[in-house]
Amino acid sequence: MTVSNPKEVPEYELNPLELEFRRGEEVTKGYYVAKWYGSKVFVKILDKDSFSDGDSIDAFKHELTLLEKARHPNLVQFVGAVTQNVPLMIVSEYHQKGDLASYLETKGRVQSYKAIRFALDIARGLNYLHECKPEPIIHGDLSPKFQKYCAG
Protein backbone atom coordinates (compact mmCIF):
# COMPACT_ATOMS: atom_id res chain seq x y z
CA MET A 1 0.00 0.00 0.00
CA THR A 2 3.02 2.27 -0.15
CA VAL A 3 3.44 4.76 -2.95
CA SER A 4 6.62 5.57 -4.84
CA ASN A 5 5.62 9.10 -5.81
CA PRO A 6 5.34 11.54 -2.84
CA LYS A 7 2.59 13.41 -4.71
CA GLU A 8 0.44 10.29 -4.30
CA VAL A 9 0.51 10.43 -0.49
CA PRO A 10 -3.10 10.91 0.68
CA GLU A 11 -4.09 14.01 2.65
CA TYR A 12 -5.14 11.87 5.59
CA GLU A 13 -1.69 10.25 5.95
CA LEU A 14 -0.33 10.46 9.50
CA ASN A 15 3.24 10.03 10.64
CA PRO A 16 3.20 6.94 12.91
CA LEU A 17 5.86 8.58 15.10
CA GLU A 18 3.26 11.20 16.08
CA LEU A 19 1.14 8.49 17.74
CA GLU A 20 2.07 7.81 21.35
CA PHE A 21 1.10 4.32 22.50
CA ARG A 22 1.34 3.12 26.08
CA ARG A 23 1.90 -0.46 27.03
CA GLY A 24 -1.37 -2.19 27.91
CA GLU A 25 -3.60 0.34 26.14
CA GLU A 26 -5.16 -2.32 23.87
CA VAL A 27 -8.93 -1.95 24.10
CA THR A 28 -9.66 -5.15 22.23
CA LYS A 29 -7.68 -7.22 19.73
CA GLY A 30 -6.20 -4.84 17.18
CA TYR A 31 -7.72 -1.67 18.68
CA TYR A 32 -5.73 0.73 20.84
CA VAL A 33 -5.96 4.08 22.58
CA ALA A 34 -3.09 6.44 21.78
CA LYS A 35 -2.27 10.13 21.98
CA TRP A 36 -1.89 12.26 18.89
CA TYR A 37 -0.74 15.84 19.50
CA GLY A 38 -1.99 15.61 23.09
CA SER A 39 -5.47 14.28 22.24
CA LYS A 40 -6.61 10.73 22.83
CA VAL A 41 -7.44 8.83 19.66
CA PHE A 42 -8.69 5.35 18.84
CA VAL A 43 -6.37 3.33 16.60
CA LYS A 44 -7.19 0.22 14.59
CA ILE A 45 -4.02 -1.65 13.62
CA LEU A 46 -4.04 -4.16 10.79
CA ASP A 47 -2.38 -7.25 12.25
CA LYS A 48 0.82 -8.72 10.82
CA ASP A 49 -0.94 -11.77 9.38
CA SER A 50 -3.13 -9.52 7.24
CA PHE A 51 -0.24 -7.83 5.40
CA SER A 52 0.14 -10.79 3.05
CA ASP A 53 -3.62 -11.25 2.63
CA GLY A 54 -4.85 -9.33 -0.41
CA ASP A 55 -8.47 -9.42 0.79
CA SER A 56 -7.51 -7.80 4.12
CA ILE A 57 -5.56 -5.06 2.35
CA ASP A 58 -8.49 -4.44 -0.03
CA ALA A 59 -10.92 -4.27 2.92
CA PHE A 60 -8.57 -1.81 4.65
CA LYS A 61 -8.43 0.41 1.53
CA HIS A 62 -12.22 0.24 1.15
CA GLU A 63 -12.75 1.22 4.79
CA LEU A 64 -10.44 4.21 4.30
CA THR A 65 -12.35 5.47 1.26
CA LEU A 66 -15.61 5.28 3.24
CA LEU A 67 -14.23 6.90 6.38
CA GLU A 68 -12.57 9.69 4.45
CA LYS A 69 -15.89 10.98 3.10
CA ALA A 70 -18.16 10.31 6.11
CA ARG A 71 -18.51 13.47 8.22
CA HIS A 72 -21.51 13.83 10.51
CA PRO A 73 -22.07 14.79 14.19
CA ASN A 74 -23.56 11.35 14.91
CA LEU A 75 -20.59 9.42 13.49
CA VAL A 76 -17.20 8.81 15.04
CA GLN A 77 -14.88 11.11 13.13
CA PHE A 78 -12.01 9.82 11.05
CA VAL A 79 -8.72 11.51 11.99
CA GLY A 80 -6.32 9.91 9.54
CA ALA A 81 -4.41 6.77 8.65
CA VAL A 82 -0.96 5.27 8.34
CA THR A 83 -0.67 3.71 4.89
CA GLN A 84 2.96 4.39 3.99
CA ASN A 85 4.45 2.38 6.87
CA VAL A 86 3.89 -0.98 8.52
CA PRO A 87 1.71 -1.61 10.43
CA LEU A 88 -1.21 -0.02 8.62
CA MET A 89 -3.46 1.98 10.96
CA ILE A 90 -6.79 3.79 10.96
CA VAL A 91 -7.09 6.60 13.50
CA SER A 92 -10.42 8.01 14.70
CA GLU A 93 -11.66 10.21 17.50
CA TYR A 94 -11.78 8.69 20.97
CA HIS A 95 -14.84 8.88 23.20
CA GLN A 96 -13.99 8.84 26.90
CA LYS A 97 -17.43 7.52 27.82
CA GLY A 98 -16.98 4.44 25.64
CA ASP A 99 -19.68 2.61 23.75
CA LEU A 100 -23.41 2.26 24.25
CA ALA A 101 -23.12 -1.39 25.37
CA SER A 102 -20.79 -0.44 28.25
CA TYR A 103 -23.02 2.48 29.17
CA LEU A 104 -26.11 0.28 29.32
CA GLU A 105 -24.25 -2.39 31.33
CA THR A 106 -23.19 0.25 33.87
CA LYS A 107 -26.42 2.26 34.04
CA GLY A 108 -28.90 -0.54 33.49
CA ARG A 109 -32.33 0.45 32.30
CA VAL A 110 -32.47 4.01 30.97
CA GLN A 111 -35.36 6.44 31.01
CA SER A 112 -37.54 6.56 27.91
CA TYR A 113 -36.35 9.99 26.81
CA LYS A 114 -32.71 8.82 26.84
CA ALA A 115 -33.54 5.66 24.91
CA ILE A 116 -35.37 7.75 22.31
CA ARG A 117 -32.42 10.16 22.12
CA PHE A 118 -29.98 7.29 21.56
CA ALA A 119 -32.24 5.80 18.89
CA LEU A 120 -32.62 9.15 17.10
CA ASP A 121 -28.86 9.80 17.15
CA ILE A 122 -28.19 6.36 15.68
CA ALA A 123 -30.94 6.85 13.07
CA ARG A 124 -29.52 10.26 12.08
CA GLY A 125 -26.06 8.78 11.60
CA LEU A 126 -27.44 5.88 9.57
CA ASN A 127 -29.61 8.17 7.46
CA TYR A 128 -26.55 10.24 6.61
CA LEU A 129 -24.63 7.09 5.57
CA HIS A 130 -27.53 5.76 3.51
CA GLU A 131 -27.94 9.11 1.73
CA CYS A 132 -24.26 9.35 0.70
CA LYS A 133 -23.68 9.95 -2.99
CA PRO A 134 -22.80 8.46 -5.40
CA GLU A 135 -23.30 5.24 -3.40
CA PRO A 136 -24.88 4.75 0.01
CA ILE A 137 -22.68 3.44 2.81
CA ILE A 138 -24.01 0.41 4.66
CA HIS A 139 -22.79 0.19 8.27
CA GLY A 140 -23.18 -3.56 8.63
CA ASP A 141 -23.03 -3.88 12.43
CA LEU A 142 -25.29 -1.85 14.69
CA SER A 143 -24.57 -3.73 17.89
CA PRO A 144 -24.32 -1.40 20.94
CA LYS A 145 -20.58 -2.06 21.28
CA PHE A 146 -20.07 -0.12 18.03
CA GLN A 147 -22.23 2.83 19.08
CA LYS A 148 -20.01 5.39 20.80
CA TYR A 149 -21.64 7.19 23.69
CA CYS A 150 -20.89 10.88 23.82
CA ALA A 151 -24.06 12.47 25.21
CA GLY A 152 -23.76 14.41 28.45
C-alpha atoms as a PDB file:
ATOM      1  CA  MET A   1       0.000   0.000   0.000  1.00  0.00           C
ATOM      2  CA  THR A   2       3.021   2.270  -0.151  1.00  0.00           C
ATOM      3  CA  VAL A   3       3.437   4.757  -2.954  1.00  0.00           C
ATOM      4  CA  SER A   4       6.618   5.574  -4.838  1.00  0.00           C
ATOM      5  CA  ASN A   5       5.619   9.101  -5.808  1.00  0.00           C
ATOM      6  CA  PRO A   6       5.344  11.542  -2.842  1.00  0.00           C
ATOM      7  CA  LYS A   7       2.587  13.406  -4.710  1.00  0.00           C
ATOM      8  CA  GLU A   8       0.440  10.290  -4.305  1.00  0.00           C
ATOM      9  CA  VAL A   9       0.506  10.428  -0.487  1.00  0.00           C
ATOM     10  CA  PRO A  10      -3.097  10.908   0.679  1.00  0.00           C
ATOM     11  CA  GLU A  11      -4.090  14.010   2.653  1.00  0.00           C
ATOM     12  CA  TYR A  12      -5.145  11.867   5.592  1.00  0.00           C
ATOM     13  CA  GLU A  13      -1.688  10.254   5.950  1.00  0.00           C
ATOM     14  CA  LEU A  14      -0.329  10.459   9.501  1.00  0.00           C
ATOM     15  CA  ASN A  15       3.235  10.025  10.639  1.00  0.00           C
ATOM     16  CA  PRO A  16       3.195   6.945  12.908  1.00  0.00           C
ATOM     17  CA  LEU A  17       5.862   8.578  15.098  1.00  0.00           C
ATOM     18  CA  GLU A  18       3.256  11.202  16.083  1.00  0.00           C
ATOM     19  CA  LEU A  19       1.136   8.487  17.738  1.00  0.00           C
ATOM     20  CA  GLU A  20       2.070   7.808  21.347  1.00  0.00           C
ATOM     21  CA  PHE A  21       1.097   4.325  22.499  1.00  0.00           C
ATOM     22  CA  ARG A  22       1.335   3.123  26.080  1.00  0.00           C
ATOM     23  CA  ARG A  23       1.902  -0.458  27.029  1.00  0.00           C
ATOM     24  CA  GLY A  24      -1.374  -2.189  27.915  1.00  0.00           C
ATOM     25  CA  GLU A  25      -3.597   0.339  26.138  1.00  0.00           C
ATOM     26  CA  GLU A  26      -5.157  -2.320  23.873  1.00  0.00           C
ATOM     27  CA  VAL A  27      -8.933  -1.951  24.104  1.00  0.00           C
ATOM     28  CA  THR A  28      -9.661  -5.150  22.233  1.00  0.00           C
ATOM     29  CA  LYS A  29      -7.682  -7.219  19.732  1.00  0.00           C
ATOM     30  CA  GLY A  30      -6.201  -4.838  17.181  1.00  0.00           C
ATOM     31  CA  TYR A  31      -7.720  -1.671  18.684  1.00  0.00           C
ATOM     32  CA  TYR A  32      -5.732   0.733  20.843  1.00  0.00           C
ATOM     33  CA  VAL A  33      -5.959   4.083  22.583  1.00  0.00           C
ATOM     34  CA  ALA A  34      -3.091   6.436  21.778  1.00  0.00           C
ATOM     35  CA  LYS A  35      -2.273  10.130  21.981  1.00  0.00           C
ATOM     36  CA  TRP A  36      -1.889  12.262  18.893  1.00  0.00           C
ATOM     37  CA  TYR A  37      -0.742  15.836  19.499  1.00  0.00           C
ATOM     38  CA  GLY A  38      -1.995  15.614  23.085  1.00  0.00           C
ATOM     39  CA  SER A  39      -5.471  14.284  22.237  1.00  0.00           C
ATOM     40  CA  LYS A  40      -6.612  10.729  22.829  1.00  0.00           C
ATOM     41  CA  VAL A  41      -7.440   8.830  19.657  1.00  0.00           C
ATOM     42  CA  PHE A  42      -8.694   5.354  18.837  1.00  0.00           C
ATOM     43  CA  VAL A  43      -6.367   3.326  16.599  1.00  0.00           C
ATOM     44  CA  LYS A  44      -7.187   0.222  14.585  1.00  0.00           C
ATOM     45  CA  ILE A  45      -4.025  -1.653  13.621  1.00  0.00           C
ATOM     46  CA  LEU A  46      -4.036  -4.163  10.795  1.00  0.00           C
ATOM     47  CA  ASP A  47      -2.380  -7.251  12.247  1.00  0.00           C
ATOM     48  CA  LYS A  48       0.822  -8.720  10.823  1.00  0.00           C
ATOM     49  CA  ASP A  49      -0.941 -11.770   9.384  1.00  0.00           C
ATOM     50  CA  SER A  50      -3.130  -9.516   7.235  1.00  0.00           C
ATOM     51  CA  PHE A  51      -0.239  -7.827   5.398  1.00  0.00           C
ATOM     52  CA  SER A  52       0.142 -10.789   3.053  1.00  0.00           C
ATOM     53  CA  ASP A  53      -3.616 -11.251   2.628  1.00  0.00           C
ATOM     54  CA  GLY A  54      -4.848  -9.326  -0.407  1.00  0.00           C
ATOM     55  CA  ASP A  55      -8.466  -9.416   0.794  1.00  0.00           C
ATOM     56  CA  SER A  56      -7.510  -7.798   4.125  1.00  0.00           C
ATOM     57  CA  ILE A  57      -5.560  -5.060   2.355  1.00  0.00           C
ATOM     58  CA  ASP A  58      -8.492  -4.440  -0.025  1.00  0.00           C
ATOM     59  CA  ALA A  59     -10.921  -4.268   2.918  1.00  0.00           C
ATOM     60  CA  PHE A  60      -8.572  -1.806   4.653  1.00  0.00           C
ATOM     61  CA  LYS A  61      -8.429   0.411   1.534  1.00  0.00           C
ATOM     62  CA  HIS A  62     -12.218   0.243   1.150  1.00  0.00           C
ATOM     63  CA  GLU A  63     -12.746   1.218   4.793  1.00  0.00           C
ATOM     64  CA  LEU A  64     -10.440   4.215   4.298  1.00  0.00           C
ATOM     65  CA  THR A  65     -12.352   5.466   1.260  1.00  0.00           C
ATOM     66  CA  LEU A  66     -15.607   5.283   3.238  1.00  0.00           C
ATOM     67  CA  LEU A  67     -14.229   6.905   6.385  1.00  0.00           C
ATOM     68  CA  GLU A  68     -12.569   9.690   4.448  1.00  0.00           C
ATOM     69  CA  LYS A  69     -15.888  10.977   3.100  1.00  0.00           C
ATOM     70  CA  ALA A  70     -18.164  10.306   6.107  1.00  0.00           C
ATOM     71  CA  ARG A  71     -18.511  13.466   8.218  1.00  0.00           C
ATOM     72  CA  HIS A  72     -21.513  13.835  10.508  1.00  0.00           C
ATOM     73  CA  PRO A  73     -22.070  14.795  14.188  1.00  0.00           C
ATOM     74  CA  ASN A  74     -23.563  11.351  14.905  1.00  0.00           C
ATOM     75  CA  LEU A  75     -20.591   9.423  13.494  1.00  0.00           C
ATOM     76  CA  VAL A  76     -17.202   8.807  15.043  1.00  0.00           C
ATOM     77  CA  GLN A  77     -14.880  11.110  13.132  1.00  0.00           C
ATOM     78  CA  PHE A  78     -12.008   9.822  11.046  1.00  0.00           C
ATOM     79  CA  VAL A  79      -8.721  11.509  11.991  1.00  0.00           C
ATOM     80  CA  GLY A  80      -6.318   9.911   9.535  1.00  0.00           C
ATOM     81  CA  ALA A  81      -4.410   6.775   8.654  1.00  0.00           C
ATOM     82  CA  VAL A  82      -0.963   5.271   8.337  1.00  0.00           C
ATOM     83  CA  THR A  83      -0.673   3.705   4.891  1.00  0.00           C
ATOM     84  CA  GLN A  84       2.962   4.390   3.992  1.00  0.00           C
ATOM     85  CA  ASN A  85       4.450   2.379   6.871  1.00  0.00           C
ATOM     86  CA  VAL A  86       3.890  -0.976   8.517  1.00  0.00           C
ATOM     87  CA  PRO A  87       1.714  -1.606  10.434  1.00  0.00           C
ATOM     88  CA  LEU A  88      -1.206  -0.016   8.620  1.00  0.00           C
ATOM     89  CA  MET A  89      -3.463   1.985  10.959  1.00  0.00           C
ATOM     90  CA  ILE A  90      -6.792   3.785  10.957  1.00  0.00           C
ATOM     91  CA  VAL A  91      -7.091   6.604  13.504  1.00  0.00           C
ATOM     92  CA  SER A  92     -10.418   8.008  14.697  1.00  0.00           C
ATOM     93  CA  GLU A  93     -11.660  10.205  17.496  1.00  0.00           C
ATOM     94  CA  TYR A  94     -11.784   8.687  20.969  1.00  0.00           C
ATOM     95  CA  HIS A  95     -14.841   8.875  23.202  1.00  0.00           C
ATOM     96  CA  GLN A  96     -13.993   8.844  26.902  1.00  0.00           C
ATOM     97  CA  LYS A  97     -17.430   7.515  27.819  1.00  0.00           C
ATOM     98  CA  GLY A  98     -16.979   4.438  25.639  1.00  0.00           C
ATOM     99  CA  ASP A  99     -19.678   2.609  23.750  1.00  0.00           C
ATOM    100  CA  LEU A 100     -23.409   2.255  24.245  1.00  0.00           C
ATOM    101  CA  ALA A 101     -23.118  -1.387  25.370  1.00  0.00           C
ATOM    102  CA  SER A 102     -20.786  -0.440  28.253  1.00  0.00           C
ATOM    103  CA  TYR A 103     -23.017   2.483  29.165  1.00  0.00           C
ATOM    104  CA  LEU A 104     -26.106   0.275  29.319  1.00  0.00           C
ATOM    105  CA  GLU A 105     -24.253  -2.390  31.331  1.00  0.00           C
ATOM    106  CA  THR A 106     -23.188   0.245  33.865  1.00  0.00           C
ATOM    107  CA  LYS A 107     -26.418   2.261  34.045  1.00  0.00           C
ATOM    108  CA  GLY A 108     -28.896  -0.539  33.493  1.00  0.00           C
ATOM    109  CA  ARG A 109     -32.332   0.455  32.297  1.00  0.00           C
ATOM    110  CA  VAL A 110     -32.473   4.008  30.969  1.00  0.00           C
ATOM    111  CA  GLN A 111     -35.364   6.438  31.011  1.00  0.00           C
ATOM    112  CA  SER A 112     -37.535   6.565  27.912  1.00  0.00           C
ATOM    113  CA  TYR A 113     -36.351   9.994  26.812  1.00  0.00           C
ATOM    114  CA  LYS A 114     -32.706   8.818  26.841  1.00  0.00           C
ATOM    115  CA  ALA A 115     -33.540   5.656  24.906  1.00  0.00           C
ATOM    116  CA  ILE A 116     -35.368   7.754  22.307  1.00  0.00           C
ATOM    117  CA  ARG A 117     -32.424  10.164  22.124  1.00  0.00           C
ATOM    118  CA  PHE A 118     -29.980   7.286  21.561  1.00  0.00           C
ATOM    119  CA  ALA A 119     -32.239   5.798  18.885  1.00  0.00           C
ATOM    120  CA  LEU A 120     -32.620   9.154  17.101  1.00  0.00           C
ATOM    121  CA  ASP A 121     -28.865   9.804  17.148  1.00  0.00           C
ATOM    122  CA  ILE A 122     -28.186   6.361  15.680  1.00  0.00           C
ATOM    123  CA  ALA A 123     -30.935   6.847  13.074  1.00  0.00           C
ATOM    124  CA  ARG A 124     -29.522  10.258  12.085  1.00  0.00           C
ATOM    125  CA  GLY A 125     -26.059   8.783  11.596  1.00  0.00           C
ATOM    126  CA  LEU A 126     -27.445   5.882   9.568  1.00  0.00           C
ATOM    127  CA  ASN A 127     -29.609   8.168   7.460  1.00  0.00           C
ATOM    128  CA  TYR A 128     -26.546  10.236   6.611  1.00  0.00           C
ATOM    129  CA  LEU A 129     -24.627   7.092   5.574  1.00  0.00           C
ATOM    130  CA  HIS A 130     -27.528   5.763   3.513  1.00  0.00           C
ATOM    131  CA  GLU A 131     -27.939   9.110   1.725  1.00  0.00           C
ATOM    132  CA  CYS A 132     -24.259   9.345   0.701  1.00  0.00           C
ATOM    133  CA  LYS A 133     -23.685   9.951  -2.991  1.00  0.00           C
ATOM    134  CA  PRO A 134     -22.801   8.455  -5.405  1.00  0.00           C
ATOM    135  CA  GLU A 135     -23.297   5.240  -3.402  1.00  0.00           C
ATOM    136  CA  PRO A 136     -24.877   4.746   0.014  1.00  0.00           C
ATOM    137  CA  ILE A 137     -22.677   3.440   2.814  1.00  0.00           C
ATOM    138  CA  ILE A 138     -24.014   0.407   4.663  1.00  0.00           C
ATOM    139  CA  HIS A 139     -22.790   0.194   8.269  1.00  0.00           C
ATOM    140  CA  GLY A 140     -23.177  -3.557   8.633  1.00  0.00           C
ATOM    141  CA  ASP A 141     -23.031  -3.876  12.435  1.00  0.00           C
ATOM    142  CA  LEU A 142     -25.290  -1.848  14.691  1.00  0.00           C
ATOM    143  CA  SER A 143     -24.565  -3.727  17.894  1.00  0.00           C
ATOM    144  CA  PRO A 144     -24.322  -1.402  20.940  1.00  0.00           C
ATOM    145  CA  LYS A 145     -20.581  -2.056  21.281  1.00  0.00           C
ATOM    146  CA  PHE A 146     -20.073  -0.118  18.030  1.00  0.00           C
ATOM    147  CA  GLN A 147     -22.234   2.831  19.078  1.00  0.00           C
ATOM    148  CA  LYS A 148     -20.009   5.388  20.801  1.00  0.00           C
ATOM    149  CA  TYR A 149     -21.638   7.192  23.689  1.00  0.00           C
ATOM    150  CA  CYS A 150     -20.894  10.883  23.824  1.00  0.00           C
ATOM    151  CA  ALA A 151     -24.060  12.475  25.208  1.00  0.00           C
ATOM    152  CA  GLY A 152     -23.760  14.408  28.455  1.00  0.00           C
END
